[in-house]
Protein backbone atom coordinates (compact mmCIF):
# COMPACT_ATOMS: atom_id res chain seq x y z
CA MET A 1 0.00 0.00 0.00
CA LEU A 2 2.83 2.36 0.93
CA LEU A 3 4.62 1.55 -2.32
CA LEU A 4 1.47 2.35 -4.30
CA PHE A 5 1.15 5.72 -2.48
CA VAL A 6 4.79 6.60 -3.25
CA LEU A 7 4.33 5.68 -6.90
CA ILE A 8 1.20 7.84 -7.18
CA CYS A 9 2.92 10.85 -5.55
CA THR A 10 5.97 10.43 -7.78
CA SER A 11 3.71 10.28 -10.82
CA CYS A 12 1.94 13.48 -9.73
CA GLU A 13 5.24 15.31 -9.26
CA LYS A 14 6.45 14.20 -12.68
CA GLY A 15 3.12 15.29 -14.16
CA LEU A 16 3.46 18.75 -12.59
CA ASP A 17 7.01 19.04 -13.90
CA MET A 18 5.64 18.54 -17.42
CA VAL A 19 3.14 21.40 -17.01
CA ASN A 20 4.38 24.68 -18.42
CA VAL A 21 2.39 27.90 -18.05
CA ASP A 22 4.30 30.94 -19.30
CA SER A 23 4.83 33.97 -17.08
CA THR A 24 2.21 36.70 -16.95
CA VAL A 25 3.03 40.04 -15.36
CA TYR A 26 0.34 42.30 -13.94
CA ILE A 27 -0.61 44.88 -11.30
CA PRO A 28 -3.32 43.45 -9.02
CA GLY A 29 -4.15 46.97 -7.78
CA SER A 30 -4.90 48.12 -11.31
CA GLY A 31 -7.61 50.62 -12.15
CA LEU A 32 -8.57 53.60 -10.01
CA SER A 33 -7.85 53.22 -6.29
CA THR A 34 -8.11 55.76 -3.48
CA GLN A 35 -4.98 56.35 -1.42
CA THR A 36 -3.76 58.61 1.38
CA ALA A 37 -0.32 60.20 1.60
CA LEU A 38 1.70 60.54 4.78
CA LEU A 39 2.62 64.10 5.73
CA GLY A 40 6.18 64.97 4.76
CA GLU A 41 7.87 62.04 3.03
CA SER A 42 6.93 58.39 2.76
CA VAL A 43 7.21 55.37 0.49
CA TYR A 44 4.19 53.91 -1.31
CA LYS A 45 4.73 50.31 -2.45
CA LEU A 46 2.91 49.26 -5.62
CA GLY A 47 2.82 45.48 -5.92
CA ILE A 48 3.88 43.89 -9.22
CA TYR A 49 2.98 40.22 -9.66
CA LYS A 50 4.17 37.36 -11.83
CA ALA A 51 2.06 34.25 -12.45
CA GLY A 52 3.00 31.00 -14.18
CA VAL A 53 4.09 27.38 -13.67
CA ASN A 54 7.56 26.03 -14.55
CA GLN A 55 8.31 29.28 -16.32
CA LYS A 56 11.02 29.35 -18.97
CA ASN A 57 12.42 32.65 -17.72
CA ALA A 58 14.03 32.37 -14.29
CA GLU A 59 13.98 36.16 -13.86
CA VAL A 60 12.08 38.94 -15.53
CA THR A 61 12.66 42.68 -15.31
CA VAL A 62 9.56 44.85 -15.39
CA ASN A 63 9.91 48.48 -16.43
CA LEU A 64 7.25 50.85 -15.13
CA GLY A 65 6.68 54.57 -15.26
CA VAL A 66 4.22 57.44 -15.23
CA ASP A 67 2.00 57.09 -18.30
CA GLN A 68 0.74 60.49 -19.44
CA GLU A 69 -0.77 59.08 -22.62
CA VAL A 70 -3.04 56.68 -20.73
CA PHE A 71 -3.86 59.49 -18.29
CA ALA A 72 -5.11 61.63 -21.19
CA THR A 73 -7.46 58.81 -22.18
CA PHE A 74 -8.58 58.41 -18.56
CA LEU A 75 -9.18 62.16 -18.24
CA ALA A 76 -11.51 62.18 -21.26
CA SER A 77 -14.07 60.11 -19.33
CA ASN A 78 -13.07 61.25 -15.84
CA PRO A 79 -12.83 65.06 -15.93
CA GLY A 80 -11.60 66.99 -12.94
CA TYR A 81 -8.53 64.90 -12.15
CA GLU A 82 -4.98 66.24 -12.39
CA LEU A 83 -1.57 64.61 -12.54
CA LEU A 84 0.16 64.52 -9.18
CA PRO A 85 2.80 67.30 -9.38
CA VAL A 86 6.38 66.14 -9.85
CA THR A 87 7.30 67.99 -6.66
CA ASN A 88 5.19 65.48 -4.73
CA PHE A 89 6.67 62.19 -5.92
CA ASN A 90 9.82 60.50 -7.07
CA ILE A 91 10.40 57.01 -8.45
CA PRO A 92 14.03 56.09 -7.64
CA SER A 93 13.99 53.18 -10.09
CA GLY A 94 11.36 52.11 -12.57
CA GLU A 95 12.82 48.59 -12.72
CA VAL A 96 11.32 45.74 -10.71
CA LYS A 97 13.01 42.34 -10.88
CA LEU A 98 11.03 39.16 -10.23
CA GLY A 99 13.30 36.16 -9.80
CA LYS A 100 12.61 32.46 -9.96
CA GLY A 101 9.90 31.64 -7.47
CA ASP A 102 8.99 35.30 -6.90
CA VAL A 103 5.30 36.04 -6.98
CA ARG A 104 5.48 39.69 -5.98
CA GLN A 105 7.97 42.53 -5.84
CA ASP A 106 7.26 46.22 -5.22
CA LEU A 107 7.77 49.42 -7.14
CA ASN A 108 8.81 52.02 -4.58
CA ILE A 109 7.19 55.41 -5.08
CA ARG A 110 8.55 58.11 -2.80
CA LEU A 111 5.94 60.71 -1.89
CA THR A 112 7.46 64.08 -1.02
CA ASN A 113 6.53 67.54 0.23
CA ILE A 114 3.09 66.41 1.40
CA GLY A 115 1.43 69.11 3.49
CA GLU A 116 -1.95 69.52 5.13
CA ASN A 117 -3.17 71.58 2.15
CA THR A 118 -1.57 69.59 -0.68
CA PHE A 119 -4.83 67.92 -1.68
CA SER A 120 -7.26 70.70 -0.77
CA GLY A 121 -9.63 71.22 -3.70
CA LYS A 122 -7.57 68.83 -5.85
CA LYS A 123 -8.07 65.39 -7.35
CA TYR A 124 -4.51 64.23 -7.95
CA VAL A 125 -3.83 60.97 -9.76
CA LEU A 126 -0.58 59.16 -10.43
CA PRO A 127 -0.95 56.78 -13.43
CA ILE A 128 1.65 54.01 -13.31
CA SER A 129 1.81 51.48 -16.14
CA ILE A 130 3.90 48.49 -17.14
CA LYS A 131 5.98 49.68 -20.09
CA THR A 132 8.06 46.64 -21.00
CA VAL A 133 9.12 43.27 -19.62
CA SER A 134 12.48 41.66 -20.33
CA PRO A 135 12.82 38.90 -21.42
CA SER A 136 9.55 39.38 -23.26
CA VAL A 137 6.67 37.68 -21.44
CA LYS A 138 2.93 38.18 -21.47
CA ILE A 139 1.53 41.34 -19.87
CA ASN A 140 -2.06 41.23 -18.67
CA GLU A 141 -3.42 44.15 -20.68
CA GLU A 142 -6.42 44.56 -18.38
CA LYS A 143 -4.17 44.89 -15.32
CA LYS A 144 -1.21 46.87 -16.57
CA VAL A 145 -2.15 50.36 -15.33
CA ALA A 146 -2.75 51.62 -11.79
CA PHE A 147 -4.38 55.01 -11.26
CA LEU A 148 -3.41 56.07 -7.75
CA TYR A 149 -5.84 58.73 -6.56
CA PHE A 150 -4.42 60.54 -3.54
CA SER A 151 -7.50 61.98 -1.87
CA ARG A 152 -6.02 63.41 1.35
CA PHE A 153 -3.08 63.50 3.74
CA ARG A 154 -2.69 61.34 6.82
CA ASN A 155 -0.50 61.69 9.87
CA VAL A 156 1.67 59.08 11.60
CA TYR A 157 -1.06 58.24 14.13
CA GLU A 158 -3.65 57.21 11.54
CA SER A 159 -3.81 53.42 11.76
CA LYS A 160 -6.35 50.82 12.80
CA TYR A 161 -6.72 50.45 16.56
CA LYS A 162 -8.28 47.85 18.78
CA ALA A 163 -10.28 49.74 21.42
CA TYR A 164 -11.04 48.11 24.75
CA GLY A 165 -12.42 49.78 27.85
CA THR A 166 -15.48 50.88 29.80
CA GLY A 167 -17.62 53.88 30.59
CA VAL A 168 -19.03 54.21 34.11
CA ASP A 169 -21.62 56.51 35.64
CA ASP A 170 -21.13 58.70 38.71
CA VAL A 171 -21.61 55.77 41.11
CA GLY A 172 -19.22 53.45 39.25
CA VAL A 173 -21.75 51.31 37.40
CA VAL A 174 -20.55 50.22 33.96
CA VAL A 175 -22.91 51.72 31.39
CA LYS A 176 -20.70 51.30 28.31
CA LYS A 177 -18.47 48.43 27.25
CA ILE A 178 -16.00 49.29 24.51
CA ASP A 179 -14.60 46.43 22.44
CA GLU A 180 -14.18 47.30 18.76
CA VAL A 181 -11.78 48.17 15.97
CA ILE A 182 -11.51 51.91 15.30
CA VAL A 183 -10.26 53.49 12.09
CA PRO A 184 -9.38 57.17 12.67
CA VAL A 185 -9.09 60.02 10.20
CA SER A 186 -6.32 62.62 10.32
CA VAL A 187 -7.26 66.20 11.13
CA SER A 188 -3.79 67.75 11.37
CA ALA A 189 -0.18 66.70 11.86
CA ASN A 190 -0.80 65.66 15.47
CA THR A 191 -4.59 65.11 15.64
CA ILE A 192 -6.86 62.24 14.66
CA GLU A 193 -10.63 61.89 14.86
CA ILE A 194 -12.28 58.69 16.10
CA SER A 195 -15.78 57.42 16.77
CA GLY A 196 -16.94 57.70 20.36
CA PRO A 197 -18.98 55.28 22.50
CA GLU A 198 -22.28 56.93 21.57
CA THR A 199 -23.91 56.74 18.15
CA GLY A 200 -22.74 59.65 16.02
CA MET A 201 -20.22 60.86 18.63
CA LYS A 202 -16.88 62.00 17.25
CA ILE A 203 -13.79 62.56 19.40
CA ARG A 204 -10.51 64.27 18.57
CA LEU A 205 -7.20 63.14 20.02
CA ALA A 206 -4.37 65.67 19.86
CA VAL A 207 -0.94 64.24 20.68
CA GLN A 208 1.36 66.69 22.46
CA ASN A 209 4.65 64.92 23.11
CA ASP A 210 3.46 61.84 25.05
CA ARG A 211 0.28 63.48 26.37
CA VAL A 212 -3.12 63.45 24.64
CA VAL A 213 -5.77 66.16 24.71
CA VAL A 214 -9.26 64.68 24.29
CA THR A 215 -12.01 66.94 22.92
CA GLY A 216 -15.26 66.67 21.03
CA ALA A 217 -15.14 67.04 17.26
CA PRO A 218 -17.41 69.51 15.46
CA GLY A 219 -20.96 68.26 15.87
CA SER A 220 -20.24 66.60 19.21
CA ALA A 221 -19.89 69.72 21.39
CA ALA A 222 -23.10 68.89 23.28
CA TYR A 223 -21.39 65.89 24.89
CA ASN A 224 -18.87 68.19 26.65
CA ILE A 225 -16.03 65.70 26.02
CA GLN A 226 -12.85 66.45 27.96
CA ASN A 227 -9.85 64.88 29.68
CA ASN A 228 -10.59 63.28 33.04
CA ILE A 229 -7.41 64.06 34.96
CA ALA A 230 -8.96 62.80 38.19
CA LYS A 231 -8.91 59.26 36.78
CA GLY A 232 -5.64 59.42 34.93
CA GLU A 233 -3.46 61.13 32.33
CA SER A 234 -4.27 60.41 28.69
CA THR A 235 -1.07 59.32 26.94
CA TYR A 236 0.37 57.96 23.70
CA ILE A 237 3.46 55.76 23.34
CA GLY A 238 4.73 54.54 19.98
CA LYS A 239 7.37 54.80 17.28
CA PHE A 240 7.50 54.93 13.52
CA ASP A 241 7.49 51.62 11.66
CA PRO A 242 8.78 51.91 8.07
CA THR A 243 6.92 48.75 7.03
CA TYR A 244 3.55 50.30 7.82
CA GLN A 245 4.64 53.91 7.16
CA ALA A 246 2.95 54.84 10.44
CA TYR A 247 3.47 54.80 14.18
CA LYS A 248 2.92 51.48 15.94
CA GLY A 249 1.75 52.38 19.41
CA ALA A 250 -1.07 52.74 21.87
CA PHE A 251 -3.31 55.40 23.35
CA LYS A 252 -4.35 55.19 27.00
CA LEU A 253 -7.32 57.51 27.39
CA PHE A 254 -9.20 58.87 30.37
CA TYR A 255 -12.02 61.22 29.45
CA SER A 256 -15.56 62.10 30.39
CA TYR A 257 -18.71 63.18 28.58
CA THR A 258 -22.26 64.13 29.44
CA LEU A 259 -25.31 62.22 28.21
CA SER A 260 -28.86 63.27 29.19
CA GLY A 261 -27.46 65.24 32.09
CA LYS A 262 -25.41 62.30 33.42
CA LEU A 263 -21.62 62.22 33.61
CA ILE A 264 -19.98 59.20 31.96
CA GLN A 265 -16.31 58.51 32.74
CA VAL A 266 -14.39 56.49 30.15
CA ALA A 267 -11.15 54.56 30.49
CA VAL A 268 -10.10 52.97 27.21
CA ASP A 269 -6.95 51.63 25.54
CA LEU A 270 -6.41 51.96 21.79
CA SER A 271 -3.75 49.55 20.51
CA PHE A 272 -2.30 49.40 17.00
CA THR A 273 -3.71 46.48 15.00
CA LEU A 274 -3.62 45.24 11.41
């Protein structure tokens, strides 16, 4: 029985060795996609993929670049967009090498001089296309161009967070349990806006060194949201991670708000998550 199993497996391996599917190069994030740009300088990684089985070419070199011709065609049916200014990006090398066994490699796009007003009133797009592949292999024509639409800036604190904590009333009874994933939005270089424990509540967190000022966002002033120093100091601890192009860290928040005349005191931790 064991011998039969070995013979079958060996036959399958030999069969797979005889299969030959030529390489195909493509951009899985092709088409129009919405992106954010980190304030200052950062690196955006555009994934380039190679598919195939027992490919003849052990390594292929993919040449990519900004495609103004394809942008002109895009603009004809999508008016209002503009090319991202050359002062706001740099592509150190348009060559991406995919070796034997490689499925993905990245084109590094350096975003530069990104300020809080860079995208105000603008619809900037960066059209990146596969120009050539050497040795010559198939290019997926439907997935050869990525239109990167940079809609707004983000700061280093804008990441997904796992929020866990409670809100208690004035006699210490838990009236709110917080256990959710929060995705903030950047307001300025040091401030993010998050959802609060009440429906429609928005809270702003301003990082000042390692301290955090908690306030209500526009539209949430009626909640009278503020730091609750009596319970503890609101803090942030973290450091920049080049892989995620953001800070990996955690907020420890102590704040209070008023709901229907009652004071609610919140203690919650926000921890970086993927």
